[in-house]
Amino acid sequence: MRKASMPGLDRDARGRGLQGRAHVDLSMRLSPLDPLYYAMLGTRAFTHMVVGEDVAAAEWAERAARSPGAHVLIAMIASATQAMIARMRKLRSGLPNVRSRNPVLTRADFFRAFR
């Protein structure tokens, strides 16, 4: 991810979800055609997770996963948020997407990617 188009990501990771949300919203308004727009949507999902808004996190993560060019890690975020709110039907439909795209991807890979 390019930090220039994702200033909210660092703030989210440090637990300042609302401030990070404002930054990622600005990024999305300024760059609606950015090829990494899916990452902005995923970051927006993280801002909701940070403040305990799990349903909103799942909705934003789902949008991110359905976006053109979305990375398989974004699909993992969407699956995790569905599990957080016990939407098992959506979780079961999303996991095959992740597994078909990268059958050996693990939880450790996910966390290593977002360090």
PDB file of N, CA and C in Angstrom:
ATOM      1  N   MET A   1       0.827  -1.181   0.000  1.00  0.00           N
ATOM      2  CA  MET A   1       0.000   0.000   0.000  1.00  0.00           C
ATOM      3  C   MET A   1       0.869   1.241   0.000  1.00  0.00           C
ATOM      4  N   ARG A   2       0.434   2.230  -0.721  1.00  0.00           N
ATOM      5  CA  ARG A   2       1.162   3.495  -0.735  1.00  0.00           C
ATOM      6  C   ARG A   2       0.711   4.318   0.454  1.00  0.00           C
ATOM      7  N   LYS A   3       1.645   4.693   1.298  1.00  0.00           N
ATOM      8  CA  LYS A   3       1.281   5.496   2.465  1.00  0.00           C
ATOM      9  C   LYS A   3       0.709   6.842   2.069  1.00  0.00           C
ATOM     10  N   ALA A   4       1.128   7.379   0.929  1.00  0.00           N
ATOM     11  CA  ALA A   4       0.630   8.695   0.514  1.00  0.00           C
ATOM     12  C   ALA A   4      -0.880   8.687   0.329  1.00  0.00           C
ATOM     13  N   SER A   5      -1.443   7.571  -0.142  1.00  0.00           N
ATOM     14  CA  SER A   5      -2.879   7.540  -0.352  1.00  0.00           C
ATOM     15  C   SER A   5      -3.615   6.904   0.820  1.00  0.00           C
ATOM     16  N   MET A   6      -2.887   6.482   1.847  1.00  0.00           N
ATOM     17  CA  MET A   6      -3.501   5.795   2.963  1.00  0.00           C
ATOM     18  C   MET A   6      -3.063   6.374   4.311  1.00  0.00           C
ATOM     19  N   PRO A   7      -3.187   7.676   4.540  1.00  0.00           N
ATOM     20  CA  PRO A   7      -2.697   8.228   5.795  1.00  0.00           C
ATOM     21  C   PRO A   7      -3.454   7.716   7.011  1.00  0.00           C
ATOM     22  N   GLY A   8      -4.655   7.213   6.852  1.00  0.00           N
ATOM     23  CA  GLY A   8      -5.428   6.731   7.987  1.00  0.00           C
ATOM     24  C   GLY A   8      -4.957   5.386   8.513  1.00  0.00           C
ATOM     25  N   LEU A   9      -4.249   4.603   7.701  1.00  0.00           N
ATOM     26  CA  LEU A   9      -3.893   3.257   8.109  1.00  0.00           C
ATOM     27  C   LEU A   9      -3.045   3.245   9.369  1.00  0.00           C
ATOM     28  N   ASP A  10      -2.014   4.063   9.438  1.00  0.00           N
ATOM     29  CA  ASP A  10      -1.164   4.089  10.626  1.00  0.00           C
ATOM     30  C   ASP A  10      -1.951   4.517  11.855  1.00  0.00           C
ATOM     31  N   ARG A  11      -2.813   5.483  11.704  1.00  0.00           N
ATOM     32  CA  ARG A  11      -3.601   5.955  12.841  1.00  0.00           C
ATOM     33  C   ARG A  11      -4.543   4.872  13.339  1.00  0.00           C
ATOM     34  N   ASP A  12      -5.121   4.099  12.425  1.00  0.00           N
ATOM     35  CA  ASP A  12      -6.015   3.019  12.819  1.00  0.00           C
ATOM     36  C   ASP A  12      -5.273   1.982  13.637  1.00  0.00           C
ATOM     37  N   ALA A  13      -4.099   1.610  13.169  1.00  0.00           N
ATOM     38  CA  ALA A  13      -3.330   0.570  13.829  1.00  0.00           C
ATOM     39  C   ALA A  13      -2.951   0.969  15.247  1.00  0.00           C
ATOM     40  N   ARG A  14      -2.841   2.237  15.505  1.00  0.00           N
ATOM     41  CA  ARG A  14      -2.497   2.711  16.846  1.00  0.00           C
ATOM     42  C   ARG A  14      -3.742   3.000  17.677  1.00  0.00           C
ATOM     43  N   GLY A  15      -4.924   2.653  17.165  1.00  0.00           N
ATOM     44  CA  GLY A  15      -6.124   2.752  17.973  1.00  0.00           C
ATOM     45  C   GLY A  15      -6.844   4.083  17.930  1.00  0.00           C
ATOM     46  N   ARG A  16      -6.538   4.944  16.994  1.00  0.00           N
ATOM     47  CA  ARG A  16      -7.249   6.225  16.887  1.00  0.00           C
ATOM     48  C   ARG A  16      -8.209   6.135  15.711  1.00  0.00           C
ATOM     49  N   GLY A  17      -9.202   5.290  15.861  1.00  0.00           N
ATOM     50  CA  GLY A  17     -10.099   4.974  14.763  1.00  0.00           C
ATOM     51  C   GLY A  17     -10.818   6.151  14.154  1.00  0.00           C
ATOM     52  N   LEU A  18     -11.351   7.040  14.984  1.00  0.00           N
ATOM     53  CA  LEU A  18     -12.128   8.149  14.433  1.00  0.00           C
ATOM     54  C   LEU A  18     -11.248   9.130  13.669  1.00  0.00           C
ATOM     55  N   GLN A  19     -10.067   9.407  14.188  1.00  0.00           N
ATOM     56  CA  GLN A  19      -9.149  10.287  13.467  1.00  0.00           C
ATOM     57  C   GLN A  19      -8.695   9.618  12.171  1.00  0.00           C
ATOM     58  N   GLY A  20      -8.390   8.340  12.238  1.00  0.00           N
ATOM     59  CA  GLY A  20      -8.004   7.607  11.040  1.00  0.00           C
ATOM     60  C   GLY A  20      -9.119   7.568  10.017  1.00  0.00           C
ATOM     61  N   ARG A  21     -10.361   7.456  10.508  1.00  0.00           N
ATOM     62  CA  ARG A  21     -11.512   7.428   9.601  1.00  0.00           C
ATOM     63  C   ARG A  21     -11.608   8.729   8.819  1.00  0.00           C
ATOM     64  N   ALA A  22     -11.400   9.841   9.471  1.00  0.00           N
ATOM     65  CA  ALA A  22     -11.451  11.129   8.777  1.00  0.00           C
ATOM     66  C   ALA A  22     -10.391  11.184   7.677  1.00  0.00           C
ATOM     67  N   HIS A  23      -9.212  10.666   7.973  1.00  0.00           N
ATOM     68  CA  HIS A  23      -8.130  10.683   6.980  1.00  0.00           C
ATOM     69  C   HIS A  23      -8.419   9.757   5.800  1.00  0.00           C
ATOM     70  N   VAL A  24      -8.927   8.558   6.092  1.00  0.00           N
ATOM     71  CA  VAL A  24      -9.206   7.640   4.989  1.00  0.00           C
ATOM     72  C   VAL A  24     -10.392   8.126   4.168  1.00  0.00           C
ATOM     73  N   ASP A  25     -11.377   8.756   4.818  1.00  0.00           N
ATOM     74  CA  ASP A  25     -12.497   9.333   4.067  1.00  0.00           C
ATOM     75  C   ASP A  25     -12.007  10.418   3.111  1.00  0.00           C
ATOM     76  N   LEU A  26     -11.076  11.234   3.586  1.00  0.00           N
ATOM     77  CA  LEU A  26     -10.492  12.262   2.725  1.00  0.00           C
ATOM     78  C   LEU A  26      -9.752  11.609   1.559  1.00  0.00           C
ATOM     79  N   SER A  27      -8.989  10.568   1.838  1.00  0.00           N
ATOM     80  CA  SER A  27      -8.275   9.865   0.768  1.00  0.00           C
ATOM     81  C   SER A  27      -9.242   9.328  -0.277  1.00  0.00           C
ATOM     82  N   MET A  28     -10.366   8.775   0.176  1.00  0.00           N
ATOM     83  CA  MET A  28     -11.341   8.218  -0.774  1.00  0.00           C
ATOM     84  C   MET A  28     -11.991   9.318  -1.601  1.00  0.00           C
ATOM     85  N   ARG A  29     -12.243  10.463  -0.980  1.00  0.00           N
ATOM     86  CA  ARG A  29     -12.831  11.582  -1.742  1.00  0.00           C
ATOM     87  C   ARG A  29     -11.841  12.141  -2.761  1.00  0.00           C
ATOM     88  N   LEU A  30     -10.574  12.209  -2.379  1.00  0.00           N
ATOM     89  CA  LEU A  30      -9.570  12.784  -3.270  1.00  0.00           C
ATOM     90  C   LEU A  30      -9.137  11.828  -4.379  1.00  0.00           C
ATOM     91  N   SER A  31      -9.250  10.535  -4.149  1.00  0.00           N
ATOM     92  CA  SER A  31      -8.751   9.554  -5.126  1.00  0.00           C
ATOM     93  C   SER A  31      -9.772   8.452  -5.388  1.00  0.00           C
ATOM     94  N   PRO A  32     -10.960   8.791  -5.887  1.00  0.00           N
ATOM     95  CA  PRO A  32     -11.986   7.753  -6.074  1.00  0.00           C
ATOM     96  C   PRO A  32     -11.644   6.729  -7.155  1.00  0.00           C
ATOM     97  N   LEU A  33     -10.676   7.027  -7.999  1.00  0.00           N
ATOM     98  CA  LEU A  33     -10.284   6.093  -9.051  1.00  0.00           C
ATOM     99  C   LEU A  33      -8.942   5.423  -8.765  1.00  0.00           C
ATOM    100  N   ASP A  34      -8.432   5.607  -7.574  1.00  0.00           N
ATOM    101  CA  ASP A  34      -7.155   5.020  -7.184  1.00  0.00           C
ATOM    102  C   ASP A  34      -7.225   3.499  -7.313  1.00  0.00           C
ATOM    103  N   PRO A  35      -6.219   2.863  -7.935  1.00  0.00           N
ATOM    104  CA  PRO A  35      -6.246   1.407  -8.052  1.00  0.00           C
ATOM    105  C   PRO A  35      -6.204   0.695  -6.693  1.00  0.00           C
ATOM    106  N   LEU A  36      -5.821   1.411  -5.660  1.00  0.00           N
ATOM    107  CA  LEU A  36      -5.817   0.844  -4.312  1.00  0.00           C
ATOM    108  C   LEU A  36      -7.049   1.272  -3.498  1.00  0.00           C
ATOM    109  N   TYR A  37      -8.088   1.668  -4.189  1.00  0.00           N
ATOM    110  CA  TYR A  37      -9.316   2.105  -3.497  1.00  0.00           C
ATOM    111  C   TYR A  37      -9.842   0.995  -2.584  1.00  0.00           C
ATOM    112  N   TYR A  38      -9.704  -0.257  -3.015  1.00  0.00           N
ATOM    113  CA  TYR A  38     -10.141  -1.370  -2.171  1.00  0.00           C
ATOM    114  C   TYR A  38      -9.435  -1.336  -0.822  1.00  0.00           C
ATOM    115  N   ALA A  39      -8.168  -0.925  -0.811  1.00  0.00           N
ATOM    116  CA  ALA A  39      -7.415  -0.835   0.441  1.00  0.00           C
ATOM    117  C   ALA A  39      -7.954   0.286   1.320  1.00  0.00           C
ATOM    118  N   MET A  40      -8.393   1.364   0.699  1.00  0.00           N
ATOM    119  CA  MET A  40      -9.002   2.448   1.466  1.00  0.00           C
ATOM    120  C   MET A  40     -10.294   1.965   2.126  1.00  0.00           C
ATOM    121  N   LEU A  41     -11.094   1.211   1.373  1.00  0.00           N
ATOM    122  CA  LEU A  41     -12.327   0.663   1.935  1.00  0.00           C
ATOM    123  C   LEU A  41     -12.001  -0.299   3.074  1.00  0.00           C
ATOM    124  N   GLY A  42     -10.974  -1.107   2.900  1.00  0.00           N
ATOM    125  CA  GLY A  42     -10.558  -2.020   3.964  1.00  0.00           C
ATOM    126  C   GLY A  42     -10.058  -1.280   5.192  1.00  0.00           C
ATOM    127  N   THR A  43      -9.349  -0.200   4.960  1.00  0.00           N
ATOM    128  CA  THR A  43      -8.889   0.621   6.079  1.00  0.00           C
ATOM    129  C   THR A  43     -10.077   1.237   6.802  1.00  0.00           C
ATOM    130  N   ARG A  44     -11.078   1.651   6.043  1.00  0.00           N
ATOM    131  CA  ARG A  44     -12.301   2.190   6.650  1.00  0.00           C
ATOM    132  C   ARG A  44     -12.945   1.127   7.537  1.00  0.00           C
ATOM    133  N   ALA A  45     -12.921  -0.134   7.084  1.00  0.00           N
ATOM    134  CA  ALA A  45     -13.439  -1.230   7.911  1.00  0.00           C
ATOM    135  C   ALA A  45     -12.660  -1.326   9.222  1.00  0.00           C
ATOM    136  N   PHE A  46     -11.331  -1.212   9.143  1.00  0.00           N
ATOM    137  CA  PHE A  46     -10.512  -1.245  10.360  1.00  0.00           C
ATOM    138  C   PHE A  46     -10.890  -0.126  11.325  1.00  0.00           C
ATOM    139  N   THR A  47     -11.215   1.052  10.797  1.00  0.00           N
ATOM    140  CA  THR A  47     -11.562   2.156  11.702  1.00  0.00           C
ATOM    141  C   THR A  47     -12.807   1.819  12.509  1.00  0.00           C
ATOM    142  N   HIS A  48     -13.697   1.044  11.923  1.00  0.00           N
ATOM    143  CA  HIS A  48     -14.891   0.625  12.659  1.00  0.00           C
ATOM    144  C   HIS A  48     -14.554  -0.463  13.681  1.00  0.00           C
ATOM    145  N   MET A  49     -13.660  -1.379  13.307  1.00  0.00           N
ATOM    146  CA  MET A  49     -13.262  -2.429  14.253  1.00  0.00           C
ATOM    147  C   MET A  49     -12.607  -1.836  15.491  1.00  0.00           C
ATOM    148  N   VAL A  50     -11.767  -0.836  15.280  1.00  0.00           N
ATOM    149  CA  VAL A  50     -11.019  -0.223  16.378  1.00  0.00           C
ATOM    150  C   VAL A  50     -11.946   0.348  17.446  1.00  0.00           C
ATOM    151  N   VAL A  51     -13.085   0.864  17.036  1.00  0.00           N
ATOM    152  CA  VAL A  51     -14.005   1.483  18.005  1.00  0.00           C
ATOM    153  C   VAL A  51     -15.197   0.581  18.332  1.00  0.00           C
ATOM    154  N   GLY A  52     -15.133  -0.690  17.928  1.00  0.00           N
ATOM    155  CA  GLY A  52     -16.164  -1.645  18.299  1.00  0.00           C
ATOM    156  C   GLY A  52     -17.436  -1.613  17.476  1.00  0.00           C
ATOM    157  N   GLU A  53     -17.382  -1.032  16.299  1.00  0.00           N
ATOM    158  CA  GLU A  53     -18.552  -0.978  15.418  1.00  0.00           C
ATOM    159  C   GLU A  53     -18.462  -2.144  14.430  1.00  0.00           C
ATOM    160  N   ASP A  54     -18.728  -3.348  14.937  1.00  0.00           N
ATOM    161  CA  ASP A  54     -18.476  -4.563  14.177  1.00  0.00           C
ATOM    162  C   ASP A  54     -19.371  -4.720  12.946  1.00  0.00           C
ATOM    163  N   VAL A  55     -20.633  -4.345  13.043  1.00  0.00           N
ATOM    164  CA  VAL A  55     -21.524  -4.469  11.881  1.00  0.00           C
ATOM    165  C   VAL A  55     -21.057  -3.542  10.760  1.00  0.00           C
ATOM    166  N   ALA A  56     -20.742  -2.307  11.094  1.00  0.00           N
ATOM    167  CA  ALA A  56     -20.240  -1.365  10.091  1.00  0.00           C
ATOM    168  C   ALA A  56     -18.910  -1.868   9.519  1.00  0.00           C
ATOM    169  N   ALA A  57     -18.062  -2.437  10.371  1.00  0.00           N
ATOM    170  CA  ALA A  57     -16.781  -2.985   9.889  1.00  0.00           C
ATOM    171  C   ALA A  57     -17.030  -4.066   8.848  1.00  0.00           C
ATOM    172  N   ALA A  58     -17.989  -4.928   9.115  1.00  0.00           N
ATOM    173  CA  ALA A  58     -18.295  -6.011   8.171  1.00  0.00           C
ATOM    174  C   ALA A  58     -18.810  -5.459   6.847  1.00  0.00           C
ATOM    175  N   GLU A  59     -19.635  -4.444   6.917  1.00  0.00           N
ATOM    176  CA  GLU A  59     -20.178  -3.855   5.685  1.00  0.00           C
ATOM    177  C   GLU A  59     -19.079  -3.210   4.845  1.00  0.00           C
ATOM    178  N   TRP A  60     -18.187  -2.455   5.477  1.00  0.00           N
ATOM    179  CA  TRP A  60     -17.088  -1.812   4.737  1.00  0.00           C
ATOM    180  C   TRP A  60     -16.106  -2.851   4.205  1.00  0.00           C
ATOM    181  N   ALA A  61     -15.841  -3.885   4.987  1.00  0.00           N
ATOM    182  CA  ALA A  61     -14.921  -4.926   4.538  1.00  0.00           C
ATOM    183  C   ALA A  61     -15.499  -5.689   3.347  1.00  0.00           C
ATOM    184  N   GLU A  62     -16.800  -5.913   3.375  1.00  0.00           N
ATOM    185  CA  GLU A  62     -17.458  -6.581   2.247  1.00  0.00           C
ATOM    186  C   GLU A  62     -17.332  -5.733   0.979  1.00  0.00           C
ATOM    187  N   ARG A  63     -17.544  -4.425   1.107  1.00  0.00           N
ATOM    188  CA  ARG A  63     -17.371  -3.526  -0.051  1.00  0.00           C
ATOM    189  C   ARG A  63     -15.941  -3.603  -0.569  1.00  0.00           C
ATOM    190  N   ALA A  64     -14.994  -3.620   0.361  1.00  0.00           N
ATOM    191  CA  ALA A  64     -13.577  -3.687  -0.029  1.00  0.00           C
ATOM    192  C   ALA A  64     -13.286  -4.981  -0.782  1.00  0.00           C
ATOM    193  N   ALA A  65     -13.783  -6.093  -0.278  1.00  0.00           N
ATOM    194  CA  ALA A  65     -13.508  -7.392  -0.895  1.00  0.00           C
ATOM    195  C   ALA A  65     -14.131  -7.511  -2.281  1.00  0.00           C
ATOM    196  N   ARG A  66     -15.260  -6.839  -2.503  1.00  0.00           N
ATOM    197  CA  ARG A  66     -15.927  -6.899  -3.806  1.00  0.00           C
ATOM    198  C   ARG A  66     -15.357  -5.897  -4.814  1.00  0.00           C
ATOM    199  N   SER A  67     -14.462  -5.039  -4.377  1.00  0.00           N
ATOM    200  CA  SER A  67     -13.905  -4.003  -5.252  1.00  0.00           C
ATOM    201  C   SER A  67     -12.945  -4.587  -6.271  1.00  0.00           C
ATOM    202  N   PRO A  68     -12.865  -3.954  -7.446  1.00  0.00           N
ATOM    203  CA  PRO A  68     -11.947  -4.436  -8.485  1.00  0.00           C
ATOM    204  C   PRO A  68     -10.505  -4.466  -7.982  1.00  0.00           C
ATOM    205  N   GLY A  69      -9.841  -5.574  -8.245  1.00  0.00           N
ATOM    206  CA  GLY A  69      -8.431  -5.701  -7.897  1.00  0.00           C
ATOM    207  C   GLY A  69      -8.148  -5.988  -6.440  1.00  0.00           C
ATOM    208  N   ALA A  70      -9.186  -6.240  -5.642  1.00  0.00           N
ATOM    209  CA  ALA A  70      -8.984  -6.444  -4.205  1.00  0.00           C
ATOM    210  C   ALA A  70      -8.045  -7.620  -3.951  1.00  0.00           C
ATOM    211  N   HIS A  71      -7.107  -7.398  -3.076  1.00  0.00           N
ATOM    212  CA  HIS A  71      -6.113  -8.400  -2.695  1.00  0.00           C
ATOM    213  C   HIS A  71      -6.784  -9.479  -1.848  1.00  0.00           C
ATOM    214  N   VAL A  72      -6.232 -10.669  -1.858  1.00  0.00           N
ATOM    215  CA  VAL A  72      -6.795 -11.774  -1.079  1.00  0.00           C
ATOM    216  C   VAL A  72      -6.826 -11.450   0.418  1.00  0.00           C
ATOM    217  N   LEU A  73      -5.899 -10.639   0.898  1.00  0.00           N
ATOM    218  CA  LEU A  73      -5.929 -10.269   2.318  1.00  0.00           C
ATOM    219  C   LEU A  73      -7.170  -9.447   2.658  1.00  0.00           C
ATOM    220  N   ILE A  74      -7.667  -8.705   1.694  1.00  0.00           N
ATOM    221  CA  ILE A  74      -8.907  -7.944   1.907  1.00  0.00           C
ATOM    222  C   ILE A  74     -10.076  -8.912   2.064  1.00  0.00           C
ATOM    223  N   ALA A  75     -10.060 -10.000   1.294  1.00  0.00           N
ATOM    224  CA  ALA A  75     -11.095 -11.027   1.448  1.00  0.00           C
ATOM    225  C   ALA A  75     -11.003 -11.676   2.830  1.00  0.00           C
ATOM    226  N   MET A  76      -9.799 -11.818   3.351  1.00  0.00           N
ATOM    227  CA  MET A  76      -9.636 -12.357   4.706  1.00  0.00           C
ATOM    228  C   MET A  76     -10.227 -11.402   5.744  1.00  0.00           C
ATOM    229  N   ILE A  77     -10.033 -10.105   5.538  1.00  0.00           N
ATOM    230  CA  ILE A  77     -10.618  -9.121   6.452  1.00  0.00           C
ATOM    231  C   ILE A  77     -12.138  -9.243   6.428  1.00  0.00           C
ATOM    232  N   ALA A  78     -12.694  -9.354   5.230  1.00  0.00           N
ATOM    233  CA  ALA A  78     -14.149  -9.479   5.112  1.00  0.00           C
ATOM    234  C   ALA A  78     -14.640 -10.736   5.823  1.00  0.00           C
ATOM    235  N   SER A  79     -13.938 -11.838   5.669  1.00  0.00           N
ATOM    236  CA  SER A  79     -14.330 -13.076   6.349  1.00  0.00           C
ATOM    237  C   SER A  79     -14.237 -12.928   7.862  1.00  0.00           C
ATOM    238  N   ALA A  80     -13.176 -12.300   8.335  1.00  0.00           N
ATOM    239  CA  ALA A  80     -13.018 -12.111   9.778  1.00  0.00           C
ATOM    240  C   ALA A  80     -14.123 -11.236  10.353  1.00  0.00           C
ATOM    241  N   THR A  81     -14.481 -10.188   9.643  1.00  0.00           N
ATOM    242  CA  THR A  81     -15.535  -9.309  10.167  1.00  0.00           C
ATOM    243  C   THR A  81     -16.887 -10.006  10.150  1.00  0.00           C
ATOM    244  N   GLN A  82     -17.122 -10.863   9.159  1.00  0.00           N
ATOM    245  CA  GLN A  82     -18.375 -11.631   9.144  1.00  0.00           C
ATOM    246  C   GLN A  82     -18.426 -12.566  10.353  1.00  0.00           C
ATOM    247  N   ALA A  83     -17.291 -13.170  10.690  1.00  0.00           N
ATOM    248  CA  ALA A  83     -17.235 -14.049  11.865  1.00  0.00           C
ATOM    249  C   ALA A  83     -17.474 -13.262  13.147  1.00  0.00           C
ATOM    250  N   MET A  84     -16.961 -12.030  13.205  1.00  0.00           N
ATOM    251  CA  MET A  84     -17.134 -11.197  14.412  1.00  0.00           C
ATOM    252  C   MET A  84     -18.602 -10.949  14.723  1.00  0.00           C
ATOM    253  N   ILE A  85     -19.413 -10.858  13.687  1.00  0.00           N
ATOM    254  CA  ILE A  85     -20.831 -10.560  13.925  1.00  0.00           C
ATOM    255  C   ILE A  85     -21.717 -11.779  13.668  1.00  0.00           C
ATOM    256  N   ALA A  86     -21.073 -12.946  13.591  1.00  0.00           N
ATOM    257  CA  ALA A  86     -21.779 -14.223  13.459  1.00  0.00           C
ATOM    258  C   ALA A  86     -22.661 -14.308  12.217  1.00  0.00           C
ATOM    259  N   ARG A  87     -22.180 -13.752  11.125  1.00  0.00           N
ATOM    260  CA  ARG A  87     -22.870 -13.925   9.842  1.00  0.00           C
ATOM    261  C   ARG A  87     -22.244 -15.147   9.161  1.00  0.00           C
ATOM    262  N   MET A  88     -22.591 -16.295   9.651  1.00  0.00           N
ATOM    263  CA  MET A  88     -21.932 -17.516   9.213  1.00  0.00           C
ATOM    264  C   MET A  88     -22.175 -17.844   7.743  1.00  0.00           C
ATOM    265  N   ARG A  89     -23.354 -17.531   7.230  1.00  0.00           N
ATOM    266  CA  ARG A  89     -23.609 -17.822   5.813  1.00  0.00           C
ATOM    267  C   ARG A  89     -22.656 -17.023   4.931  1.00  0.00           C
ATOM    268  N   LYS A  90     -22.494 -15.729   5.231  1.00  0.00           N
ATOM    269  CA  LYS A  90     -21.558 -14.912   4.448  1.00  0.00           C
ATOM    270  C   LYS A  90     -20.122 -15.359   4.686  1.00  0.00           C
ATOM    271  N   LEU A  91     -19.818 -15.753   5.907  1.00  0.00           N
ATOM    272  CA  LEU A  91     -18.474 -16.243   6.209  1.00  0.00           C
ATOM    273  C   LEU A  91     -18.171 -17.482   5.371  1.00  0.00           C
ATOM    274  N   ARG A  92     -19.097 -18.420   5.338  1.00  0.00           N
ATOM    275  CA  ARG A  92     -18.885 -19.648   4.567  1.00  0.00           C
ATOM    276  C   ARG A  92     -18.765 -19.368   3.072  1.00  0.00           C
ATOM    277  N   SER A  93     -19.426 -18.339   2.582  1.00  0.00           N
ATOM    278  CA  SER A  93     -19.313 -18.039   1.153  1.00  0.00           C
ATOM    279  C   SER A  93     -18.018 -17.288   0.842  1.00  0.00           C
ATOM    280  N   GLY A  94     -17.470 -16.571   1.803  1.00  0.00           N
ATOM    281  CA  GLY A  94     -16.235 -15.822   1.582  1.00  0.00           C
ATOM    282  C   GLY A  94     -14.977 -16.655   1.719  1.00  0.00           C
ATOM    283  N   LEU A  95     -14.982 -17.626   2.623  1.00  0.00           N
ATOM    284  CA  LEU A  95     -13.781 -18.425   2.843  1.00  0.00           C
ATOM    285  C   LEU A  95     -13.342 -19.216   1.611  1.00  0.00           C
ATOM    286  N   PRO A  96     -14.269 -19.804   0.852  1.00  0.00           N
ATOM    287  CA  PRO A  96     -13.805 -20.483  -0.368  1.00  0.00           C
ATOM    288  C   PRO A  96     -13.101 -19.530  -1.331  1.00  0.00           C
ATOM    289  N   ASN A  97     -13.524 -18.271  -1.367  1.00  0.00           N
ATOM    290  CA  ASN A  97     -12.868 -17.272  -2.206  1.00  0.00           C
ATOM    291  C   ASN A  97     -11.416 -17.126  -1.771  1.00  0.00           C
ATOM    292  N   VAL A  98     -11.199 -17.017  -0.478  1.00  0.00           N
ATOM    293  CA  VAL A  98      -9.830 -16.878   0.040  1.00  0.00           C
ATOM    294  C   VAL A  98      -9.032 -18.128  -0.281  1.00  0.00           C
ATOM    295  N   ARG A  99      -9.575 -19.279   0.028  1.00  0.00           N
ATOM    296  CA  ARG A  99      -8.862 -20.549  -0.183  1.00  0.00           C
ATOM    297  C   ARG A  99      -8.581 -20.817  -1.660  1.00  0.00           C
ATOM    298  N   SER A 100      -9.502 -20.439  -2.534  1.00  0.00           N
ATOM    299  CA  SER A 100      -9.259 -20.681  -3.963  1.00  0.00           C
ATOM    300  C   SER A 100      -8.185 -19.745  -4.510  1.00  0.00           C
ATOM    301  N   ARG A 101      -8.073 -18.566  -3.925  1.00  0.00           N
ATOM    302  CA  ARG A 101      -7.075 -17.607  -4.395  1.00  0.00           C
ATOM    303  C   ARG A 101      -5.691 -17.904  -3.847  1.00  0.00           C
ATOM    304  N   ASN A 102      -5.632 -18.442  -2.626  1.00  0.00           N
ATOM    305  CA  ASN A 102      -4.347 -18.792  -2.021  1.00  0.00           C
ATOM    306  C   ASN A 102      -4.594 -19.857  -0.960  1.00  0.00           C
ATOM    307  N   PRO A 103      -4.502 -21.131  -1.347  1.00  0.00           N
ATOM    308  CA  PRO A 103      -4.859 -22.211  -0.428  1.00  0.00           C
ATOM    309  C   PRO A 103      -3.925 -22.371   0.770  1.00  0.00           C
ATOM    310  N   VAL A 104      -2.747 -21.795   0.725  1.00  0.00           N
ATOM    311  CA  VAL A 104      -1.807 -21.956   1.832  1.00  0.00           C
ATOM    312  C   VAL A 104      -1.694 -20.709   2.708  1.00  0.00           C
ATOM    313  N   LEU A 105      -2.519 -19.701   2.450  1.00  0.00           N
ATOM    314  CA  LEU A 105      -2.484 -18.464   3.236  1.00  0.00           C
ATOM    315  C   LEU A 105      -2.913 -18.756   4.671  1.00  0.00           C
ATOM    316  N   THR A 106      -2.165 -18.238   5.619  1.00  0.00           N
ATOM    317  CA  THR A 106      -2.446 -18.506   7.036  1.00  0.00           C
ATOM    318  C   THR A 106      -2.706 -17.216   7.797  1.00  0.00           C
ATOM    319  N   ARG A 107      -3.149 -17.389   9.017  1.00  0.00           N
ATOM    320  CA  ARG A 107      -3.355 -16.257   9.925  1.00  0.00           C
ATOM    321  C   ARG A 107      -2.035 -15.509  10.126  1.00  0.00           C
ATOM    322  N   ALA A 108      -0.940 -16.261  10.244  1.00  0.00           N
ATOM    323  CA  ALA A 108       0.376 -15.634  10.423  1.00  0.00           C
ATOM    324  C   ALA A 108       0.734 -14.765   9.220  1.00  0.00           C
ATOM    325  N   ASP A 109       0.418 -15.235   8.013  1.00  0.00           N
ATOM    326  CA  ASP A 109       0.671 -14.437   6.808  1.00  0.00           C
ATOM    327  C   ASP A 109      -0.107 -13.125   6.865  1.00  0.00           C
ATOM    328  N   PHE A 110      -1.352 -13.222   7.300  1.00  0.00           N
ATOM    329  CA  PHE A 110      -2.204 -12.042   7.396  1.00  0.00           C
ATOM    330  C   PHE A 110      -1.577 -11.003   8.327  1.00  0.00           C
ATOM    331  N   PHE A 111      -1.240 -11.415   9.531  1.00  0.00           N
ATOM    332  CA  PHE A 111      -0.696 -10.457  10.503  1.00  0.00           C
ATOM    333  C   PHE A 111       0.678  -9.950  10.091  1.00  0.00           C
ATOM    334  N   ARG A 112       1.467 -10.783   9.452  1.00  0.00           N
ATOM    335  CA  ARG A 112       2.782 -10.339   8.967  1.00  0.00           C
ATOM    336  C   ARG A 112       2.613  -9.249   7.906  1.00  0.00           C
ATOM    337  N   ALA A 113       1.605  -9.371   7.075  1.00  0.00           N
ATOM    338  CA  ALA A 113       1.371  -8.383   6.009  1.00  0.00           C
ATOM    339  C   ALA A 113       0.983  -7.020   6.550  1.00  0.00           C
ATOM    340  N   PHE A 114       0.353  -6.976   7.720  1.00  0.00           N
ATOM    341  CA  PHE A 114      -0.138  -5.713   8.263  1.00  0.00           C
ATOM    342  C   PHE A 114       0.703  -5.171   9.412  1.00  0.00           C
ATOM    343  N   ARG A 115       1.908  -5.708   9.593  1.00  0.00           N
ATOM    344  CA  ARG A 115       2.790  -5.177  10.641  1.00  0.00           C
ATOM    345  C   ARG A 115       3.264  -3.814  10.333  1.00  0.00           C
TER     346      ARG A 115
END
